[in-house]
Structure formats: structure tokens, C-alpha cells
Amino acid sequence: MQNKIEISVEWGDTDPAEIVFYPNFFKWFDTGTWRLFDAAGLTYDVIRNDFSLIGFPLVEVRSKFISPVHFRDPVQLTSHISEWGRKTFQVSHTVLVKDRPCVEGLETRVLGRRADDGAIEAVIPPKEIQVRLPALKNKDLQSTEK
């Protein structure tokens, strides 16, 4: 499963050259992750109440900037799970402007819960979550684009 969202690039998202200031992509990646889970029926309330989790803390993020995004550009952000690990998962993000690749992002996250001592600990992802959000490889993405 992948999820697409449209983003309106506002003046405040840009630098003086009217190019999106890079931290905004990381904010959009986070939004893309939450919207992906929402689209799979795994809203924050479901994650918290049904699975006793506090969310998906970020443990690593990286990006590749390919082409600039400017003020008022119509941005499409596509997000999908690209890998499930033992206690981690990766979310891949692609930013397009009118079919032009602009940014690729990769987040590594964990499913977190509150331990008895109050600390946050990573847990093994429940199978139900993995079934709702299967990892998609590049060959899988081509078949879901139709």
C-alpha cells in the first residue's frame, strides 16, 4: 500500500530564493507517514488504544535532493513502507512536482510503547500492522501505479 498527499507550498516554507527550505521536507515526510497509517485504518487512536503503542519514534532519516521545489509548486508526496525489520521499519517517500522527481526520503522508525519505568521502548511490530501495511519493493510499486 502506498499513500499520496498533495502539499501546497506556502511562502513560509521557502527561503529568500523561493526554494523550499530543506527541514520542511522532513516535516512533510512525517506527515506522509501518519497519513499512510491513517489510510490503512491505523489512526493514532487505533495505534494507542488497540495496540498500546505511543507512536512511531524516528531513529534515522535521510534524503536525496534531486531538483528544487519552489513557492506555489504543486507537490505530490507518495509514502510507503519499504521494509519491516525485527523492531524497525522503513518508510520511503517521493516528492514530485508535475511528475518531476524532486526529493527522495527514507525514514527508519520503531513502534514505541511506554515501559513500566516510563522509558520508551521499541516493540516487535504486530503482524496485523504488517498485514495492513506490507512492505513494497520497486517492482511492487510499478504494479500499484495503475
Protein backbone atom coordinates (compact mmCIF):
# COMPACT_ATOMS: atom_id res chain seq x y z
CA MET A 1 0.00 0.00 0.00
CA GLN A 2 1.13 3.50 -0.74
CA ASN A 3 -0.48 6.81 0.06
CA LYS A 4 -0.34 10.09 -1.85
CA ILE A 5 -0.98 13.55 -0.49
CA GLU A 6 -0.98 16.95 -2.12
CA ILE A 7 1.01 19.72 -0.46
CA SER A 8 0.62 23.41 -1.10
CA VAL A 9 4.00 25.14 -0.91
CA GLU A 10 3.45 28.35 1.03
CA TRP A 11 5.69 31.41 1.24
CA GLY A 12 6.74 30.46 4.78
CA ASP A 13 8.02 27.07 3.51
CA THR A 14 10.66 28.77 1.36
CA ASP A 15 13.93 30.61 1.72
CA PRO A 16 14.67 34.06 0.19
CA ALA A 17 15.22 32.38 -3.22
CA GLU A 18 11.66 30.96 -3.03
CA ILE A 19 13.07 27.40 -2.77
CA VAL A 20 11.61 25.10 -0.10
CA PHE A 21 13.82 25.22 3.00
CA TYR A 22 15.06 21.65 3.47
CA PRO A 23 13.69 20.98 7.01
CA ASN A 24 10.18 21.28 5.58
CA PHE A 25 10.69 18.06 3.64
CA PHE A 26 11.30 16.22 6.91
CA LYS A 27 8.09 17.70 8.33
CA TRP A 28 6.26 16.53 5.18
CA PHE A 29 7.82 13.05 5.47
CA ASP A 30 6.44 12.80 9.00
CA THR A 31 3.00 13.86 7.76
CA GLY A 32 3.27 11.30 4.95
CA THR A 33 4.00 8.53 7.46
CA TRP A 34 1.00 9.39 9.64
CA ARG A 35 -1.30 9.71 6.62
CA LEU A 36 -0.08 6.32 5.35
CA PHE A 37 -1.02 4.71 8.66
CA ASP A 38 -4.35 6.57 8.68
CA ALA A 39 -5.15 5.30 5.17
CA ALA A 40 -4.59 1.74 6.42
CA GLY A 41 -7.07 2.30 9.26
CA LEU A 42 -4.25 2.63 11.79
CA THR A 43 -5.08 6.06 13.16
CA TYR A 44 -3.35 7.40 16.24
CA ASP A 45 -6.32 6.31 18.38
CA VAL A 46 -6.14 2.76 16.98
CA ILE A 47 -2.36 2.61 17.48
CA ARG A 48 -2.75 3.84 21.05
CA ASN A 49 -5.91 2.04 22.15
CA ASP A 50 -5.83 -1.24 20.21
CA PHE A 51 -2.07 -1.85 20.24
CA SER A 52 -1.00 0.03 23.41
CA LEU A 53 1.62 1.97 21.44
CA ILE A 54 2.59 5.61 21.74
CA GLY A 55 3.51 6.06 18.09
CA PHE A 56 6.45 5.52 15.76
CA PRO A 57 9.57 7.31 17.01
CA LEU A 58 12.04 8.27 14.32
CA VAL A 59 15.53 6.76 14.70
CA GLU A 60 17.08 7.76 11.37
CA VAL A 61 16.16 9.93 8.40
CA ARG A 62 17.92 10.71 5.17
CA SER A 63 17.10 12.36 1.90
CA LYS A 64 18.36 12.93 -1.58
CA PHE A 65 17.60 16.31 -3.11
CA ILE A 66 17.25 15.96 -6.88
CA SER A 67 15.54 19.13 -8.07
CA PRO A 68 14.37 22.26 -6.22
CA VAL A 69 10.79 22.83 -5.15
CA HIS A 70 9.56 26.42 -5.29
CA PHE A 71 6.87 28.65 -3.81
CA ARG A 72 3.42 27.66 -5.18
CA ASP A 73 4.67 24.41 -6.78
CA PRO A 74 2.04 21.64 -6.72
CA VAL A 75 3.74 18.94 -4.67
CA GLN A 76 2.72 15.29 -4.56
CA LEU A 77 4.20 13.24 -1.71
CA THR A 78 3.96 9.46 -2.02
CA SER A 79 4.80 7.30 1.00
CA HIS A 80 5.00 3.55 1.54
CA ILE A 81 6.59 1.01 3.87
CA SER A 82 9.70 -0.30 2.11
CA GLU A 83 10.93 -2.69 4.80
CA TRP A 84 9.87 -4.34 8.04
CA GLY A 85 12.71 -5.33 10.36
CA ARG A 86 12.65 -7.13 13.67
CA LYS A 87 11.93 -3.93 15.64
CA THR A 88 12.26 -1.27 12.94
CA PHE A 89 10.53 -0.33 9.73
CA GLN A 90 11.41 1.95 6.87
CA VAL A 91 9.13 4.43 5.18
CA SER A 92 10.12 5.63 1.71
CA HIS A 93 8.92 8.98 0.44
CA THR A 94 8.97 10.51 -3.04
CA VAL A 95 8.32 14.19 -3.74
CA LEU A 96 7.18 15.08 -7.25
CA VAL A 97 6.24 18.36 -8.89
CA LYS A 98 4.25 17.75 -12.09
CA ASP A 99 5.85 14.28 -12.46
CA ARG A 100 9.34 15.77 -11.95
CA PRO A 101 11.27 13.90 -9.22
CA CYS A 102 12.46 16.40 -6.62
CA VAL A 103 13.27 14.61 -3.35
CA GLU A 104 13.58 11.04 -2.13
CA GLY A 105 13.40 10.36 1.60
CA LEU A 106 13.85 7.37 3.84
CA GLU A 107 12.81 7.19 7.48
CA THR A 108 13.71 4.40 9.88
CA ARG A 109 11.21 4.17 12.70
CA VAL A 110 10.20 1.90 15.56
CA LEU A 111 6.84 1.16 17.09
CA GLY A 112 7.18 2.52 20.60
CA ARG A 113 5.46 1.78 23.85
CA ARG A 114 5.88 3.11 27.36
CA ALA A 115 7.81 0.67 29.57
CA ASP A 116 6.96 0.13 33.24
CA ASP A 117 9.75 2.51 34.26
CA GLY A 118 8.37 5.24 31.95
CA ALA A 119 11.01 4.87 29.25
CA ILE A 120 10.06 4.43 25.61
CA GLU A 121 10.96 1.04 24.19
CA ALA A 122 10.77 -0.43 20.70
CA VAL A 123 8.50 -3.43 20.20
CA ILE A 124 8.25 -6.14 17.58
CA PRO A 125 5.68 -4.90 15.06
CA PRO A 126 2.36 -6.74 15.44
CA LYS A 127 1.51 -8.92 12.44
CA GLU A 128 -1.81 -7.12 11.98
CA ILE A 129 0.02 -3.85 11.35
CA GLN A 130 2.42 -5.53 8.91
CA VAL A 131 -0.51 -7.13 7.05
CA ARG A 132 -2.28 -3.78 6.71
CA LEU A 133 0.93 -2.10 5.54
CA PRO A 134 3.01 -4.64 3.63
CA ALA A 135 6.49 -3.63 2.53
CA LEU A 136 6.58 -2.64 -1.14
CA LYS A 137 9.69 -3.12 -3.24
CA ASN A 138 10.35 -1.21 -6.50
CA LYS A 139 8.80 -3.99 -8.63
CA ASP A 140 5.65 -3.84 -6.45
CA LEU A 141 5.36 -0.08 -6.88
CA GLN A 142 5.23 -0.31 -10.66
CA SER A 143 2.19 -2.56 -10.46
CA THR A 144 0.38 -0.29 -7.96
CA GLU A 145 0.80 2.87 -10.04
CA LYS A 146 -2.03 1.92 -12.44
